[in-house]
């Protein structure tokens, strides 16, 4: 537990809070310093990999900042990686679903119909767990093409939005929490 706590504290020090961005009353959590720190980035990937090693068959990462962690984690775990993208960004046949964003706007997420082998155990990866809307949308897409989500991995969790409570009875990992 001490190692996990010290990792969380160290990572939190590499995330900068930007008040009133992108709009008044919102605090943006900038992960750029974390990405620029090789030891910090390695700690993210190593900690996520340790939690899900041997438990998954594939990774689905959410556009766009999930793409910063998903491919490296997939490489580390030696599993396939695929992208859940915003509407109109994928060139082949897709399944799609819509969800409500934390700022109130409606978003559409898509996944190629052939992105996963049927029956795959999937880990959904993103940078932030807020309300859980985008993560649930990704899970719906995974299920729509015949696979199942067995876990979620996030760098940051905004506890005050209670997104974790919406994700069901699967393993949910977040490395840094904000109240």
Protein backbone atom coordinates (compact mmCIF):
# COMPACT_ATOMS: atom_id res chain seq x y z
CA UNK A 1 0.00 0.00 0.00
CA UNK A 2 2.84 2.40 0.81
CA UNK A 3 4.31 1.93 -2.68
CA UNK A 4 0.91 2.60 -4.31
CA UNK A 5 0.37 5.67 -2.12
CA UNK A 6 3.81 7.09 -2.93
CA UNK A 7 3.23 6.45 -6.66
CA UNK A 8 -0.09 8.30 -6.48
CA UNK A 9 1.47 11.25 -4.64
CA UNK A 10 4.38 11.41 -7.11
CA UNK A 11 2.03 11.27 -10.11
CA UNK A 12 -0.25 13.93 -8.62
CA UNK A 13 2.78 16.23 -8.46
CA UNK A 14 3.16 15.83 -12.24
CA UNK A 15 -0.44 16.88 -12.99
CA UNK A 16 -1.08 20.61 -13.11
CA UNK A 17 -4.45 22.11 -12.19
CA UNK A 18 -5.59 24.93 -14.46
CA UNK A 19 -8.57 26.79 -12.92
CA UNK A 20 -11.44 28.06 -15.09
CA UNK A 21 -10.44 26.10 -18.18
CA UNK A 22 -12.03 25.22 -20.58
CA UNK A 23 -14.81 27.26 -18.99
CA UNK A 24 -15.51 29.22 -15.82
CA UNK A 25 -15.83 26.98 -12.77
CA UNK A 26 -14.03 24.00 -14.31
CA UNK A 27 -10.51 22.98 -13.29
CA UNK A 28 -8.59 21.34 -16.12
CA UNK A 29 -6.06 18.69 -15.09
CA UNK A 30 -3.08 19.01 -17.42
CA UNK A 31 -1.20 15.72 -17.87
CA UNK A 32 1.46 17.25 -20.16
CA UNK A 33 4.09 17.34 -17.36
CA UNK A 34 3.34 13.68 -16.57
CA UNK A 35 3.82 12.71 -20.21
CA UNK A 36 7.10 14.67 -20.31
CA UNK A 37 8.47 12.82 -17.29
CA UNK A 38 9.84 9.40 -18.33
CA UNK A 39 9.73 7.98 -14.81
CA UNK A 40 6.19 9.26 -14.23
CA UNK A 41 4.93 7.88 -17.53
CA UNK A 42 6.65 4.56 -16.85
CA UNK A 43 5.01 4.42 -13.41
CA UNK A 44 1.59 4.87 -15.02
CA UNK A 45 2.14 2.09 -17.55
CA UNK A 46 3.83 -0.29 -15.09
CA UNK A 47 1.14 0.17 -12.43
CA UNK A 48 -1.70 -0.36 -14.91
CA UNK A 49 0.05 -3.37 -16.44
CA UNK A 50 0.59 -4.97 -13.05
CA UNK A 51 -3.11 -4.66 -12.23
CA UNK A 52 -4.35 -6.29 -15.45
CA UNK A 53 -1.60 -8.68 -16.53
CA UNK A 54 -3.06 -12.02 -17.62
CA UNK A 55 -6.65 -10.77 -17.20
CA UNK A 56 -7.30 -9.21 -20.61
CA UNK A 57 -7.19 -10.08 -24.30
CA UNK A 58 -7.35 -6.56 -25.76
CA UNK A 59 -7.35 -2.85 -24.94
CA UNK A 60 -9.82 -0.25 -26.18
CA UNK A 61 -8.72 3.32 -25.54
CA UNK A 62 -10.91 6.39 -25.78
CA UNK A 63 -10.23 9.35 -28.05
CA UNK A 64 -8.16 11.24 -27.58
CA UNK A 65 -6.05 11.16 -24.45
CA UNK A 66 -6.69 7.47 -23.85
CA UNK A 67 -4.57 7.02 -26.98
CA UNK A 68 -1.57 8.31 -25.03
CA UNK A 69 -1.68 5.35 -22.63
CA UNK A 70 -3.51 2.54 -24.43
CA UNK A 71 -0.97 1.59 -27.11
CA UNK A 72 1.98 1.57 -24.71
CA UNK A 73 0.01 -0.50 -22.21
CA UNK A 74 -1.04 -2.92 -24.99
CA UNK A 75 2.60 -3.26 -26.04
CA UNK A 76 3.63 -3.92 -22.43
CA UNK A 77 0.89 -6.55 -21.95
CA UNK A 78 1.34 -8.00 -25.47
CA UNK A 79 -2.35 -7.64 -26.38
CA UNK A 80 -4.08 -5.95 -29.34
CA UNK A 81 -4.98 -2.27 -29.14
CA UNK A 82 -7.94 -0.57 -30.78
CA UNK A 83 -9.49 2.89 -30.69
CA UNK A 84 -12.95 4.09 -29.73
CA UNK A 85 -13.25 7.31 -31.72
CA UNK A 86 -15.56 10.25 -32.19
CA UNK A 87 -18.14 9.99 -34.96
CA UNK A 88 -16.79 10.06 -38.50
CA UNK A 89 -13.13 9.31 -37.70
CA UNK A 90 -13.07 5.57 -38.47
CA UNK A 91 -12.99 4.51 -42.15
CA UNK A 92 -14.63 1.08 -42.08
CA UNK A 93 -17.97 -0.29 -40.86
CA UNK A 94 -18.63 0.76 -37.24
CA UNK A 95 -21.00 0.38 -34.33
CA UNK A 96 -21.86 3.60 -32.57
CA UNK A 97 -23.49 4.90 -29.43
CA UNK A 98 -24.15 8.30 -27.96
CA UNK A 99 -23.54 9.55 -24.43
CA UNK A 100 -23.79 12.74 -22.41
CA UNK A 101 -20.51 14.53 -21.71
CA UNK A 102 -19.74 16.04 -18.30
CA UNK A 103 -20.26 19.54 -19.75
CA UNK A 104 -23.73 18.64 -20.99
CA UNK A 105 -23.12 18.12 -24.72
CA UNK A 106 -24.03 14.94 -26.56
CA UNK A 107 -21.14 12.95 -28.07
CA UNK A 108 -21.12 9.94 -30.40
CA UNK A 109 -18.48 7.23 -30.03
CA UNK A 110 -17.66 4.59 -32.65
CA UNK A 111 -15.72 1.33 -32.85
CA UNK A 112 -14.91 -0.78 -35.93
CA UNK A 113 -17.17 -3.85 -36.02
CA UNK A 114 -14.10 -6.04 -36.55
CA UNK A 115 -11.93 -4.34 -33.91
CA UNK A 116 -11.97 -7.28 -31.50
CA UNK A 117 -12.13 -11.04 -31.67
CA UNK A 118 -15.50 -12.29 -30.47
CA UNK A 119 -15.43 -13.12 -26.77
CA UNK A 120 -12.40 -10.95 -25.99
CA UNK A 121 -11.87 -9.77 -22.41
CA UNK A 122 -11.34 -6.04 -22.84
CA UNK A 123 -9.73 -3.32 -20.75
CA UNK A 124 -11.04 0.21 -21.42
CA UNK A 125 -8.34 2.86 -20.96
CA UNK A 126 -8.68 6.64 -20.66
CA UNK A 127 -6.92 9.50 -18.94
CA UNK A 128 -9.80 10.64 -16.68
CA UNK A 129 -12.81 9.00 -15.06
CA UNK A 130 -15.34 11.79 -14.54
CA UNK A 131 -19.05 10.94 -14.84
CA UNK A 132 -18.37 7.57 -16.47
CA UNK A 133 -20.35 8.40 -19.61
CA UNK A 134 -17.59 7.85 -22.16
CA UNK A 135 -16.33 4.70 -20.42
CA UNK A 136 -19.86 3.24 -20.41
CA UNK A 137 -20.27 4.17 -24.08
CA UNK A 138 -17.06 2.29 -24.89
CA UNK A 139 -18.30 -0.71 -22.92
CA UNK A 140 -21.56 -0.72 -24.88
CA UNK A 141 -19.61 -0.73 -28.15
CA UNK A 142 -17.40 -3.59 -26.93
CA UNK A 143 -20.50 -5.60 -25.99
CA UNK A 144 -22.24 -4.74 -29.27
CA UNK A 145 -19.47 -6.51 -31.19
CA UNK A 146 -19.50 -9.62 -28.99
CA UNK A 147 -16.84 -9.02 -26.35
CA UNK A 148 -16.93 -7.98 -22.70
CA UNK A 149 -15.30 -5.33 -20.56
CA UNK A 150 -13.47 -6.87 -17.62
CA UNK A 151 -11.84 -3.69 -16.38
CA UNK A 152 -11.24 0.02 -16.68
CA UNK A 153 -7.95 1.87 -16.16
CA UNK A 154 -7.66 5.62 -15.68
CA UNK A 155 -4.79 7.88 -14.71
CA UNK A 156 -7.12 10.32 -12.88
CA UNK A 157 -10.45 9.87 -11.12
CA UNK A 158 -12.70 12.77 -10.13
CA UNK A 159 -14.32 11.22 -7.06
CA UNK A 160 -16.90 13.98 -6.62
CA UNK A 161 -18.57 12.99 -9.93
CA UNK A 162 -19.14 9.36 -8.81
CA UNK A 163 -18.35 7.84 -12.22
CA UNK A 164 -16.97 4.64 -10.70
CA UNK A 165 -20.39 3.75 -9.29
CA UNK A 166 -21.76 3.50 -12.85
CA UNK A 167 -19.15 1.07 -14.16
CA UNK A 168 -20.51 -2.12 -12.65
CA UNK A 169 -18.86 -5.04 -10.93
CA UNK A 170 -15.56 -5.09 -12.80
CA UNK A 171 -12.09 -4.01 -11.78
CA UNK A 172 -11.65 -0.23 -11.93
CA UNK A 173 -8.22 1.28 -11.44
CA UNK A 174 -7.37 4.95 -11.10
CA UNK A 175 -3.91 6.10 -10.11
CA UNK A 176 -4.64 9.62 -8.85
CA UNK A 177 -7.88 10.75 -7.21
CA UNK A 178 -9.28 14.22 -6.70
CA UNK A 179 -12.09 14.93 -4.19
